[in-house]
Amino acid sequence: MPKALIINYGIGNLFSIKCSLERAGFSTNICSDASQELEEADAIILPGVGNFKAGAENLLGIRDRLVELILGGRPVLGICLGMQLFFEESEESPGRGLSILSGKVVRLPPNVRVPHMGWNNLEVLSPSEILEGISTADYFYFAHSYYAIPQKRNVISAETMYGVKFASVIVEKNIFGVQFHPEKSGRPGERIIENFMRIVKR
C-alpha cells in the first residue's frame, strides 16, 4: 500500500483530504515536522487554502529537502494553495514559493466575484494520466482568489474559465497540481485521486 504524506503547514482542513486518499488505497500520515516521514513517503501531498506567504514560511523547515525529493522524481500533488506554492511568487503577498516550476501567481480579474467559490468544469488541453476518465461534463469545487501563470504553457493540462482562462490542472513529469479541491468534488474528485494513486503505484 503506497504511503502518502500530507504536509501540515498550518493551512486547510486536512481530514477530508486524508479520507479521500485512504478511500483510493493510500496509507496516509499527516505531518508538520516531516523529516523522517518525508524520506519514507511514496507520494507527497501539499494541501492548502489561505495565504501564500504564510504557506511558504511554514514550509521553510523542510523546504530544501522537499524540493530535492520532488526534483528527484518523488510524485507530488498540490491542491489549491499547494499548487500555487510550486511557483516562484504571488501577488497575494511577498514570499518565495518552492520555485519547482517557473511562473507567478496573480489575482483573478476585477470583473468577477472573488473568491471564485463553487462548481466549475475543466477544458482539457493535453491528455494526462491524472485526468483519465475526466471530461467537460465533470464539475469540481473551487475556492480561490488567485491563479498560477506558468512560464511554460505546456505544463497546463487543463484550464477553467472564470473571468479569465486559468490553469486548473498542472502536469510536469512527477509534479501534479490542481486548483480545485478534489476531496470536495464528489465522484470526479475521487477519480483524480484514484488516477494519482495509479501514477504513484507505477
N, C-alpha and C. Protein backbone atom coordinates (compact mmCIF):
# COMPACT_ATOMS: atom_id res chain seq x y z
N MET A 1 0.85 -1.20 0.00
CA MET A 1 0.00 0.00 0.00
C MET A 1 0.88 1.25 0.00
N PRO A 2 0.80 2.08 -1.04
CA PRO A 2 1.64 3.27 -1.11
C PRO A 2 1.39 4.23 0.05
N LYS A 3 2.47 4.86 0.53
CA LYS A 3 2.37 5.82 1.63
C LYS A 3 2.30 7.23 1.07
N ALA A 4 1.25 7.97 1.47
CA ALA A 4 1.13 9.38 1.09
C ALA A 4 1.33 10.23 2.33
N LEU A 5 2.23 11.17 2.24
CA LEU A 5 2.48 12.09 3.35
C LEU A 5 1.81 13.42 3.05
N ILE A 6 0.85 13.80 3.91
CA ILE A 6 0.18 15.10 3.79
C ILE A 6 0.97 16.10 4.62
N ILE A 7 1.54 17.10 3.96
CA ILE A 7 2.34 18.09 4.68
C ILE A 7 1.41 19.06 5.39
N ASN A 8 1.50 19.09 6.71
CA ASN A 8 0.69 20.00 7.51
C ASN A 8 1.49 21.27 7.75
N TYR A 9 1.21 22.31 6.95
CA TYR A 9 1.92 23.57 7.16
C TYR A 9 0.96 24.64 7.69
N GLY A 10 0.00 24.16 8.47
CA GLY A 10 -0.84 25.06 9.24
C GLY A 10 -2.00 25.66 8.48
N ILE A 11 -2.30 25.11 7.30
CA ILE A 11 -3.34 25.72 6.46
C ILE A 11 -4.29 24.65 5.95
N GLY A 12 -5.59 24.87 6.13
CA GLY A 12 -6.57 23.99 5.49
C GLY A 12 -7.06 22.85 6.36
N ASN A 13 -8.16 22.27 5.93
CA ASN A 13 -8.74 21.12 6.61
C ASN A 13 -8.15 19.85 6.01
N LEU A 14 -7.30 19.18 6.79
CA LEU A 14 -6.56 18.05 6.25
C LEU A 14 -7.33 16.74 6.35
N PHE A 15 -8.35 16.69 7.21
CA PHE A 15 -9.03 15.43 7.46
C PHE A 15 -9.74 14.91 6.21
N SER A 16 -10.42 15.81 5.46
CA SER A 16 -11.15 15.36 4.28
C SER A 16 -10.19 14.87 3.19
N ILE A 17 -9.02 15.49 3.10
CA ILE A 17 -8.01 15.03 2.14
C ILE A 17 -7.50 13.65 2.55
N LYS A 18 -7.26 13.48 3.84
CA LYS A 18 -6.79 12.19 4.36
C LYS A 18 -7.80 11.08 4.03
N CYS A 19 -9.08 11.35 4.27
CA CYS A 19 -10.13 10.35 3.99
C CYS A 19 -10.18 10.02 2.51
N SER A 20 -10.06 11.04 1.67
CA SER A 20 -10.13 10.84 0.22
C SER A 20 -8.96 9.97 -0.26
N LEU A 21 -7.78 10.23 0.25
CA LEU A 21 -6.60 9.44 -0.12
C LEU A 21 -6.73 7.99 0.35
N GLU A 22 -7.26 7.81 1.55
CA GLU A 22 -7.40 6.46 2.09
C GLU A 22 -8.45 5.66 1.32
N ARG A 23 -9.51 6.31 0.87
CA ARG A 23 -10.50 5.63 0.04
C ARG A 23 -9.89 5.14 -1.27
N ALA A 24 -8.91 5.87 -1.77
CA ALA A 24 -8.25 5.49 -3.03
C ALA A 24 -7.21 4.39 -2.81
N GLY A 25 -6.90 4.09 -1.54
CA GLY A 25 -5.98 3.00 -1.26
C GLY A 25 -4.63 3.40 -0.69
N PHE A 26 -4.45 4.68 -0.41
CA PHE A 26 -3.20 5.13 0.20
C PHE A 26 -3.19 4.84 1.70
N SER A 27 -2.01 4.56 2.23
CA SER A 27 -1.77 4.66 3.66
C SER A 27 -1.31 6.10 3.89
N THR A 28 -1.94 6.83 4.80
CA THR A 28 -1.65 8.27 4.91
C THR A 28 -1.10 8.64 6.28
N ASN A 29 -0.35 9.71 6.29
CA ASN A 29 0.13 10.30 7.53
C ASN A 29 0.11 11.81 7.34
N ILE A 30 -0.29 12.53 8.40
CA ILE A 30 -0.25 13.99 8.39
C ILE A 30 0.93 14.41 9.26
N CYS A 31 1.79 15.23 8.73
CA CYS A 31 2.99 15.57 9.49
C CYS A 31 3.44 16.99 9.21
N SER A 32 3.89 17.68 10.27
CA SER A 32 4.43 19.02 10.10
C SER A 32 5.95 18.99 10.17
N ASP A 33 6.50 18.22 11.13
CA ASP A 33 7.95 18.03 11.20
C ASP A 33 8.23 16.75 10.41
N ALA A 34 8.34 16.91 9.09
CA ALA A 34 8.23 15.75 8.21
C ALA A 34 9.55 15.10 7.86
N SER A 35 10.59 15.28 8.67
CA SER A 35 11.92 14.82 8.29
C SER A 35 11.96 13.34 7.89
N GLN A 36 11.67 12.43 8.84
CA GLN A 36 11.77 11.00 8.53
C GLN A 36 10.63 10.54 7.62
N GLU A 37 9.42 11.01 7.91
CA GLU A 37 8.27 10.62 7.10
C GLU A 37 8.45 11.03 5.64
N LEU A 38 9.09 12.18 5.43
CA LEU A 38 9.33 12.67 4.08
C LEU A 38 10.18 11.69 3.29
N GLU A 39 11.19 11.14 3.94
CA GLU A 39 12.08 10.19 3.27
C GLU A 39 11.35 8.91 2.90
N GLU A 40 10.40 8.48 3.75
CA GLU A 40 9.75 7.19 3.56
C GLU A 40 8.51 7.26 2.67
N ALA A 41 8.02 8.45 2.39
CA ALA A 41 6.76 8.59 1.65
C ALA A 41 6.93 8.22 0.18
N ASP A 42 5.92 7.53 -0.35
CA ASP A 42 5.90 7.23 -1.78
C ASP A 42 5.34 8.41 -2.58
N ALA A 43 4.55 9.24 -1.91
CA ALA A 43 3.96 10.42 -2.55
C ALA A 43 3.80 11.52 -1.52
N ILE A 44 3.88 12.75 -1.98
CA ILE A 44 3.76 13.92 -1.11
C ILE A 44 2.52 14.71 -1.53
N ILE A 45 1.73 15.13 -0.54
CA ILE A 45 0.53 15.93 -0.80
C ILE A 45 0.73 17.31 -0.16
N LEU A 46 0.59 18.35 -0.98
CA LEU A 46 0.64 19.73 -0.47
C LEU A 46 -0.77 20.29 -0.53
N PRO A 47 -1.49 20.26 0.59
CA PRO A 47 -2.87 20.77 0.59
C PRO A 47 -2.86 22.28 0.76
N GLY A 48 -4.03 22.86 0.99
CA GLY A 48 -3.99 24.24 1.43
C GLY A 48 -5.04 25.16 0.87
N VAL A 49 -5.55 25.97 1.77
CA VAL A 49 -6.29 27.17 1.43
C VAL A 49 -5.67 28.25 2.30
N GLY A 50 -5.61 29.47 1.82
CA GLY A 50 -5.06 30.50 2.68
C GLY A 50 -4.00 31.33 1.99
N ASN A 51 -3.14 31.92 2.78
CA ASN A 51 -2.21 32.95 2.34
C ASN A 51 -0.89 32.36 1.83
N PHE A 52 -0.45 32.84 0.67
CA PHE A 52 0.77 32.34 0.02
C PHE A 52 1.99 32.51 0.93
N LYS A 53 2.15 33.71 1.49
CA LYS A 53 3.33 33.98 2.31
C LYS A 53 3.37 33.08 3.54
N ALA A 54 2.21 32.94 4.22
CA ALA A 54 2.15 32.09 5.41
C ALA A 54 2.48 30.64 5.06
N GLY A 55 1.90 30.17 3.93
CA GLY A 55 2.17 28.80 3.50
C GLY A 55 3.65 28.59 3.20
N ALA A 56 4.26 29.54 2.48
CA ALA A 56 5.67 29.43 2.12
C ALA A 56 6.56 29.45 3.37
N GLU A 57 6.24 30.35 4.30
CA GLU A 57 7.05 30.45 5.51
C GLU A 57 6.95 29.21 6.37
N ASN A 58 5.76 28.61 6.42
CA ASN A 58 5.57 27.41 7.24
C ASN A 58 6.26 26.18 6.66
N LEU A 59 6.67 26.27 5.40
CA LEU A 59 7.39 25.15 4.78
C LEU A 59 8.91 25.30 4.89
N LEU A 60 9.38 26.42 5.45
CA LEU A 60 10.82 26.70 5.44
C LEU A 60 11.66 25.59 6.08
N GLY A 61 11.14 24.98 7.15
CA GLY A 61 11.90 23.95 7.86
C GLY A 61 12.23 22.74 7.02
N ILE A 62 11.39 22.44 6.04
CA ILE A 62 11.62 21.25 5.21
C ILE A 62 11.79 21.61 3.74
N ARG A 63 11.80 22.89 3.45
CA ARG A 63 11.79 23.36 2.05
C ARG A 63 12.87 22.70 1.19
N ASP A 64 14.12 22.78 1.63
CA ASP A 64 15.22 22.31 0.79
C ASP A 64 15.10 20.83 0.47
N ARG A 65 14.80 20.03 1.51
CA ARG A 65 14.69 18.58 1.28
C ARG A 65 13.45 18.25 0.46
N LEU A 66 12.37 18.98 0.69
CA LEU A 66 11.14 18.78 -0.07
C LEU A 66 11.40 19.02 -1.56
N VAL A 67 12.04 20.14 -1.88
CA VAL A 67 12.35 20.47 -3.27
C VAL A 67 13.27 19.42 -3.88
N GLU A 68 14.26 18.99 -3.11
CA GLU A 68 15.21 17.97 -3.57
C GLU A 68 14.49 16.68 -3.96
N LEU A 69 13.59 16.23 -3.09
CA LEU A 69 12.86 14.99 -3.35
C LEU A 69 11.96 15.11 -4.58
N ILE A 70 11.26 16.24 -4.69
CA ILE A 70 10.35 16.44 -5.82
C ILE A 70 11.14 16.49 -7.13
N LEU A 71 12.21 17.26 -7.15
CA LEU A 71 13.03 17.36 -8.36
C LEU A 71 13.72 16.03 -8.66
N GLY A 72 13.87 15.19 -7.63
CA GLY A 72 14.46 13.87 -7.81
C GLY A 72 13.47 12.83 -8.31
N GLY A 73 12.18 13.22 -8.43
CA GLY A 73 11.20 12.31 -9.02
C GLY A 73 10.10 11.82 -8.10
N ARG A 74 10.08 12.26 -6.83
CA ARG A 74 9.02 11.83 -5.92
C ARG A 74 7.68 12.43 -6.38
N PRO A 75 6.65 11.62 -6.59
CA PRO A 75 5.37 12.18 -7.02
C PRO A 75 4.80 13.15 -5.97
N VAL A 76 4.29 14.28 -6.44
CA VAL A 76 3.70 15.28 -5.54
C VAL A 76 2.39 15.76 -6.14
N LEU A 77 1.40 15.95 -5.28
CA LEU A 77 0.11 16.52 -5.68
C LEU A 77 -0.13 17.77 -4.87
N GLY A 78 -0.20 18.91 -5.56
CA GLY A 78 -0.50 20.18 -4.90
C GLY A 78 -1.96 20.54 -5.12
N ILE A 79 -2.66 20.87 -4.06
CA ILE A 79 -4.09 21.18 -4.11
C ILE A 79 -4.31 22.64 -3.75
N CYS A 80 -4.94 23.41 -4.65
CA CYS A 80 -5.27 24.81 -4.42
C CYS A 80 -4.02 25.62 -4.08
N LEU A 81 -3.89 26.14 -2.87
CA LEU A 81 -2.68 26.88 -2.50
C LEU A 81 -1.44 26.00 -2.67
N GLY A 82 -1.59 24.70 -2.41
CA GLY A 82 -0.47 23.77 -2.57
C GLY A 82 0.09 23.81 -3.99
N MET A 83 -0.80 23.91 -4.98
CA MET A 83 -0.34 24.03 -6.37
C MET A 83 0.33 25.37 -6.60
N GLN A 84 -0.23 26.45 -6.06
CA GLN A 84 0.36 27.78 -6.25
C GLN A 84 1.77 27.86 -5.68
N LEU A 85 2.01 27.12 -4.61
CA LEU A 85 3.33 27.14 -3.97
C LEU A 85 4.41 26.45 -4.81
N PHE A 86 4.02 25.74 -5.86
CA PHE A 86 5.01 25.19 -6.79
C PHE A 86 5.78 26.30 -7.49
N PHE A 87 5.17 27.49 -7.58
CA PHE A 87 5.72 28.58 -8.38
C PHE A 87 6.59 29.52 -7.54
N GLU A 88 7.08 30.58 -8.18
CA GLU A 88 8.11 31.41 -7.55
C GLU A 88 7.55 32.48 -6.62
N GLU A 89 6.45 33.11 -7.03
CA GLU A 89 5.95 34.24 -6.24
C GLU A 89 4.46 34.45 -6.49
N SER A 90 3.85 35.25 -5.62
CA SER A 90 2.42 35.53 -5.75
C SER A 90 2.13 37.00 -5.50
N GLU A 91 1.17 37.53 -6.23
CA GLU A 91 0.71 38.91 -5.99
C GLU A 91 0.02 39.03 -4.63
N GLU A 92 -0.40 37.90 -4.07
CA GLU A 92 -1.15 37.96 -2.82
C GLU A 92 -0.33 38.57 -1.70
N SER A 93 0.96 38.21 -1.63
CA SER A 93 1.82 38.69 -0.56
C SER A 93 3.27 38.37 -0.90
N PRO A 94 4.21 39.10 -0.30
CA PRO A 94 5.61 38.76 -0.54
C PRO A 94 5.89 37.37 0.03
N GLY A 95 6.88 36.74 -0.50
CA GLY A 95 7.21 35.39 -0.04
C GLY A 95 7.65 34.55 -1.21
N ARG A 96 8.59 33.65 -0.97
CA ARG A 96 9.16 32.85 -2.03
C ARG A 96 8.52 31.47 -2.03
N GLY A 97 7.93 31.09 -3.17
CA GLY A 97 7.37 29.76 -3.30
C GLY A 97 8.47 28.72 -3.42
N LEU A 98 8.09 27.49 -3.68
CA LEU A 98 9.08 26.41 -3.80
C LEU A 98 9.91 26.53 -5.07
N SER A 99 9.40 27.26 -6.07
CA SER A 99 10.13 27.51 -7.32
C SER A 99 10.52 26.23 -8.04
N ILE A 100 9.70 25.19 -7.93
CA ILE A 100 9.98 23.97 -8.70
C ILE A 100 9.40 24.11 -10.12
N LEU A 101 8.54 25.10 -10.31
CA LEU A 101 8.06 25.46 -11.64
C LEU A 101 8.23 26.97 -11.81
N SER A 102 8.58 27.40 -13.01
CA SER A 102 8.74 28.83 -13.27
C SER A 102 7.37 29.46 -13.53
N GLY A 103 7.18 30.62 -12.93
CA GLY A 103 5.92 31.33 -13.12
C GLY A 103 5.52 32.06 -11.87
N LYS A 104 4.37 32.72 -11.93
CA LYS A 104 3.89 33.51 -10.80
C LYS A 104 2.40 33.28 -10.60
N VAL A 105 1.92 33.76 -9.47
CA VAL A 105 0.51 33.64 -9.10
C VAL A 105 -0.09 35.04 -9.06
N VAL A 106 -1.23 35.22 -9.73
CA VAL A 106 -1.84 36.54 -9.82
C VAL A 106 -3.31 36.49 -9.37
N ARG A 107 -3.87 37.67 -9.11
CA ARG A 107 -5.25 37.76 -8.64
C ARG A 107 -6.23 37.61 -9.81
N LEU A 108 -7.37 37.00 -9.53
CA LEU A 108 -8.44 36.91 -10.52
C LEU A 108 -8.87 38.32 -10.95
N PRO A 109 -9.39 38.49 -12.17
CA PRO A 109 -9.71 39.84 -12.66
C PRO A 109 -10.82 40.52 -11.86
N PRO A 110 -10.85 41.87 -11.91
CA PRO A 110 -11.81 42.63 -11.11
C PRO A 110 -13.26 42.53 -11.58
N ASN A 111 -13.48 41.96 -12.77
CA ASN A 111 -14.85 41.89 -13.29
C ASN A 111 -15.61 40.66 -12.80
N VAL A 112 -15.00 39.85 -11.93
CA VAL A 112 -15.71 38.68 -11.38
C VAL A 112 -15.72 38.74 -9.86
N ARG A 113 -16.68 38.05 -9.27
CA ARG A 113 -16.75 37.99 -7.81
C ARG A 113 -15.60 37.14 -7.29
N VAL A 114 -14.91 37.68 -6.31
CA VAL A 114 -13.77 37.00 -5.70
C VAL A 114 -14.06 36.78 -4.22
N PRO A 115 -13.81 35.60 -3.68
CA PRO A 115 -13.18 34.46 -4.35
C PRO A 115 -14.11 33.73 -5.32
N HIS A 116 -13.48 33.02 -6.24
CA HIS A 116 -14.18 32.08 -7.11
C HIS A 116 -14.54 30.88 -6.23
N MET A 117 -15.79 30.76 -5.88
CA MET A 117 -16.20 29.72 -4.94
C MET A 117 -17.40 28.99 -5.51
N GLY A 118 -17.22 27.69 -5.73
CA GLY A 118 -18.32 26.90 -6.26
C GLY A 118 -17.84 25.95 -7.35
N TRP A 119 -18.80 25.48 -8.13
CA TRP A 119 -18.54 24.40 -9.08
C TRP A 119 -18.21 24.95 -10.46
N ASN A 120 -17.22 24.32 -11.10
CA ASN A 120 -16.83 24.70 -12.45
C ASN A 120 -16.20 23.48 -13.12
N ASN A 121 -16.11 23.56 -14.44
CA ASN A 121 -15.57 22.39 -15.15
C ASN A 121 -14.19 22.68 -15.74
N LEU A 122 -13.65 21.69 -16.42
CA LEU A 122 -12.30 21.77 -16.98
C LEU A 122 -12.34 21.66 -18.49
N GLU A 123 -11.50 22.41 -19.15
CA GLU A 123 -11.24 22.20 -20.58
C GLU A 123 -9.87 21.54 -20.68
N VAL A 124 -9.86 20.27 -21.07
CA VAL A 124 -8.61 19.52 -21.14
C VAL A 124 -7.83 19.97 -22.37
N LEU A 125 -6.59 20.42 -22.14
CA LEU A 125 -5.73 20.89 -23.23
C LEU A 125 -4.81 19.79 -23.74
N SER A 126 -4.34 18.97 -22.81
CA SER A 126 -3.47 17.86 -23.21
C SER A 126 -3.76 16.66 -22.31
N PRO A 127 -3.90 15.48 -22.91
CA PRO A 127 -4.23 14.29 -22.13
C PRO A 127 -3.15 14.02 -21.08
N SER A 128 -3.59 13.55 -19.95
CA SER A 128 -2.67 13.22 -18.86
C SER A 128 -3.29 12.11 -18.03
N GLU A 129 -2.44 11.29 -17.44
CA GLU A 129 -2.94 10.20 -16.60
C GLU A 129 -3.81 10.71 -15.45
N ILE A 130 -3.47 11.88 -14.93
CA ILE A 130 -4.23 12.42 -13.78
C ILE A 130 -5.66 12.77 -14.19
N LEU A 131 -5.89 12.99 -15.49
CA LEU A 131 -7.21 13.38 -15.99
C LEU A 131 -7.93 12.24 -16.71
N GLU A 132 -7.42 11.04 -16.57
CA GLU A 132 -8.05 9.89 -17.24
C GLU A 132 -9.51 9.75 -16.77
N GLY A 133 -10.42 9.65 -17.73
CA GLY A 133 -11.84 9.49 -17.39
C GLY A 133 -12.56 10.79 -17.07
N ILE A 134 -11.87 11.94 -17.21
CA ILE A 134 -12.47 13.25 -16.89
C ILE A 134 -12.85 13.96 -18.19
N SER A 135 -14.03 14.59 -18.20
CA SER A 135 -14.48 15.34 -19.37
C SER A 135 -15.06 16.69 -18.94
N THR A 136 -15.49 17.49 -19.92
CA THR A 136 -16.08 18.80 -19.61
C THR A 136 -17.41 18.65 -18.87
N ALA A 137 -17.97 17.46 -18.87
CA ALA A 137 -19.23 17.22 -18.14
C ALA A 137 -19.01 17.09 -16.64
N ASP A 138 -17.75 16.95 -16.22
CA ASP A 138 -17.44 16.78 -14.79
C ASP A 138 -17.16 18.14 -14.15
N TYR A 139 -17.76 18.34 -12.98
CA TYR A 139 -17.60 19.61 -12.27
C TYR A 139 -16.82 19.41 -10.97
N PHE A 140 -16.00 20.42 -10.66
CA PHE A 140 -15.12 20.36 -9.50
C PHE A 140 -15.33 21.60 -8.63
N TYR A 141 -15.01 21.46 -7.33
CA TYR A 141 -15.26 22.54 -6.38
C TYR A 141 -14.03 23.44 -6.25
N PHE A 142 -14.22 24.72 -6.53
CA PHE A 142 -13.14 25.72 -6.46
C PHE A 142 -13.39 26.68 -5.29
N ALA A 143 -12.31 27.15 -4.69
CA ALA A 143 -12.39 28.20 -3.66
C ALA A 143 -11.04 28.93 -3.66
N HIS A 144 -10.93 29.99 -4.47
CA HIS A 144 -9.64 30.68 -4.59
C HIS A 144 -9.85 32.09 -5.15
N SER A 145 -8.87 32.94 -4.87
CA SER A 145 -8.87 34.32 -5.38
C SER A 145 -7.70 34.57 -6.33
N TYR A 146 -6.77 33.64 -6.38
CA TYR A 146 -5.56 33.79 -7.19
C TYR A 146 -5.37 32.56 -8.06
N TYR A 147 -4.60 32.72 -9.12
CA TYR A 147 -4.35 31.59 -10.02
C TYR A 147 -2.91 31.68 -10.55
N ALA A 148 -2.38 30.54 -10.95
CA ALA A 148 -0.99 30.46 -11.41
C ALA A 148 -0.89 30.73 -12.90
N ILE A 149 0.16 31.45 -13.28
CA ILE A 149 0.51 31.62 -14.69
C ILE A 149 1.89 30.99 -14.89
N PRO A 150 1.94 29.75 -15.38
CA PRO A 150 3.23 29.11 -15.61
C PRO A 150 3.98 29.81 -16.75
N GLN A 151 5.30 29.85 -16.62
CA GLN A 151 6.11 30.43 -17.69
C GLN A 151 6.01 29.58 -18.96
N LYS A 152 5.94 28.25 -18.78
CA LYS A 152 5.81 27.34 -19.92
C LYS A 152 4.37 26.85 -19.98
N ARG A 153 3.69 27.17 -21.07
CA ARG A 153 2.28 26.77 -21.20
C ARG A 153 2.10 25.26 -21.34
N ASN A 154 3.15 24.57 -21.74
CA ASN A 154 2.99 23.13 -21.95
C ASN A 154 2.81 22.33 -20.66
N VAL A 155 2.97 22.99 -19.50
CA VAL A 155 2.69 22.27 -18.24
C VAL A 155 1.20 22.35 -17.88
N ILE A 156 0.43 23.16 -18.61
CA ILE A 156 -1.00 23.28 -18.32
C ILE A 156 -1.74 22.13 -19.00
N SER A 157 -2.32 21.26 -18.20
CA SER A 157 -3.04 20.11 -18.74
C SER A 157 -4.53 20.42 -18.92
N ALA A 158 -5.06 21.33 -18.09
CA ALA A 158 -6.47 21.75 -18.23
C ALA A 158 -6.62 23.19 -17.75
N GLU A 159 -7.60 23.87 -18.33
CA GLU A 159 -7.93 25.24 -17.94
C GLU A 159 -9.39 25.32 -17.52
N THR A 160 -9.70 26.39 -16.79
CA THR A 160 -11.07 26.67 -16.37
C THR A 160 -11.35 28.15 -16.63
N MET A 161 -12.57 28.45 -17.02
CA MET A 161 -12.95 29.84 -17.30
C MET A 161 -13.68 30.45 -16.10
N TYR A 162 -13.16 31.56 -15.60
CA TYR A 162 -13.86 32.35 -14.58
C TYR A 162 -13.36 33.78 -14.73
N GLY A 163 -13.96 34.51 -15.65
CA GLY A 163 -13.47 35.87 -15.95
C GLY A 163 -12.24 35.84 -16.83
N VAL A 164 -11.45 34.82 -16.68
CA VAL A 164 -10.24 34.60 -17.46
C VAL A 164 -10.01 33.09 -17.49
N LYS A 165 -9.37 32.62 -18.54
CA LYS A 165 -8.99 31.20 -18.55
C LYS A 165 -7.74 31.03 -17.70
N PHE A 166 -7.82 30.18 -16.70
CA PHE A 166 -6.67 29.97 -15.84
C PHE A 166 -6.30 28.48 -15.77
N ALA A 167 -5.06 28.21 -15.43
CA ALA A 167 -4.57 26.84 -15.31
C ALA A 167 -5.23 26.17 -14.11
N SER A 168 -6.03 25.15 -14.37
CA SER A 168 -6.67 24.44 -13.25
C SER A 168 -6.06 23.07 -12.99
N VAL A 169 -5.27 22.55 -13.95
CA VAL A 169 -4.50 21.32 -13.74
C VAL A 169 -3.12 21.51 -14.36
N ILE A 170 -2.11 21.25 -13.56
CA ILE A 170 -0.71 21.38 -13.97
C ILE A 170 -0.08 19.99 -13.94
N VAL A 171 0.65 19.64 -14.99
CA VAL A 171 1.37 18.36 -15.01
C VAL A 171 2.76 18.61 -15.59
N GLU A 172 3.77 18.21 -14.83
CA GLU A 172 5.16 18.27 -15.30
C GLU A 172 5.91 17.10 -14.70
N LYS A 173 6.06 16.04 -15.50
CA LYS A 173 6.72 14.81 -15.04
C LYS A 173 6.00 14.28 -13.79
N ASN A 174 6.67 14.29 -12.64
CA ASN A 174 6.10 13.76 -11.39
C ASN A 174 5.35 14.81 -10.58
N ILE A 175 5.20 16.01 -11.15
CA ILE A 175 4.58 17.14 -10.43
C ILE A 175 3.16 17.34 -10.94
N PHE A 176 2.18 17.24 -10.04
CA PHE A 176 0.77 17.38 -10.39
C PHE A 176 0.14 18.43 -9.49
N GLY A 177 -0.60 19.34 -10.09
CA GLY A 177 -1.27 20.37 -9.31
C GLY A 177 -2.69 20.57 -9.80
N VAL A 178 -3.61 20.78 -8.85
CA VAL A 178 -5.00 21.08 -9.20
C VAL A 178 -5.43 22.31 -8.42
N GLN A 179 -6.07 23.27 -9.10
CA GLN A 179 -6.52 24.49 -8.43
C GLN A 179 -7.79 24.25 -7.63
N PHE A 180 -8.53 23.21 -7.98
CA PHE A 180 -9.77 22.88 -7.27
C PHE A 180 -9.47 21.94 -6.11
N HIS A 181 -10.53 21.59 -5.37
CA HIS A 181 -10.40 20.67 -4.22
C HIS A 181 -11.00 19.31 -4.60
N PRO A 182 -10.19 18.34 -4.97
CA PRO A 182 -10.74 17.03 -5.35
C PRO A 182 -11.46 16.35 -4.19
N GLU A 183 -11.01 16.64 -2.97
CA GLU A 183 -11.62 16.00 -1.80
C GLU A 183 -13.03 16.52 -1.52
N LYS A 184 -13.41 17.61 -2.19
CA LYS A 184 -14.76 18.19 -2.01
C LYS A 184 -15.57 18.11 -3.31
N SER A 185 -15.08 17.34 -4.28
CA SER A 185 -15.66 17.37 -5.62
C SER A 185 -16.38 16.09 -6.02
N GLY A 186 -16.86 15.33 -5.04
CA GLY A 186 -17.66 14.15 -5.36
C GLY A 186 -16.90 13.13 -6.17
N ARG A 187 -17.63 12.42 -7.02
CA ARG A 187 -17.04 11.33 -7.80
C ARG A 187 -15.92 11.80 -8.74
N PRO A 188 -16.07 12.92 -9.46
CA PRO A 188 -14.96 13.36 -10.33
C PRO A 188 -13.67 13.61 -9.53
N GLY A 189 -13.82 14.19 -8.33
CA GLY A 189 -12.64 14.42 -7.49
C GLY A 189 -12.01 13.12 -7.04
N GLU A 190 -12.84 12.14 -6.71
CA GLU A 190 -12.33 10.82 -6.32
C GLU A 190 -11.52 10.21 -7.46
N ARG A 191 -12.01 10.42 -8.67
CA ARG A 191 -11.31 9.85 -9.83
C ARG A 191 -9.91 10.46 -9.98
N ILE A 192 -9.80 11.77 -9.73
CA ILE A 192 -8.48 12.42 -9.78
C ILE A 192 -7.53 11.76 -8.78
N ILE A 193 -8.01 11.54 -7.55
CA ILE A 193 -7.17 10.92 -6.52
C ILE A 193 -6.82 9.49 -6.90
N GLU A 194 -7.78 8.75 -7.45
CA GLU A 194 -7.52 7.37 -7.89
C GLU A 194 -6.49 7.35 -9.02
N ASN A 195 -6.59 8.31 -9.93
CA ASN A 195 -5.60 8.40 -11.02
C ASN A 195 -4.21 8.68 -10.46
N PHE A 196 -4.14 9.55 -9.47
CA PHE A 196 -2.85 9.86 -8.83
C PHE A 196 -2.30 8.61 -8.17
N MET A 197 -3.17 7.84 -7.54
CA MET A 197 -2.76 6.58 -6.91
C MET A 197 -2.13 5.63 -7.94
N ARG A 198 -2.74 5.52 -9.10
CA ARG A 198 -2.20 4.63 -10.15
C ARG A 198 -0.83 5.12 -10.62
N ILE A 199 -0.68 6.43 -10.71
CA ILE A 199 0.61 7.01 -11.12
C ILE A 199 1.69 6.66 -10.09
N VAL A 200 1.35 6.78 -8.81
CA VAL A 200 2.31 6.50 -7.74
C VAL A 200 2.70 5.03 -7.73
N LYS A 201 1.75 4.15 -7.98
CA LYS A 201 1.98 2.70 -7.93
C LYS A 201 2.79 2.17 -9.12
N ARG A 202 2.86 2.97 -10.17
CA ARG A 202 3.51 2.54 -11.41
C ARG A 202 4.91 2.03 -11.17
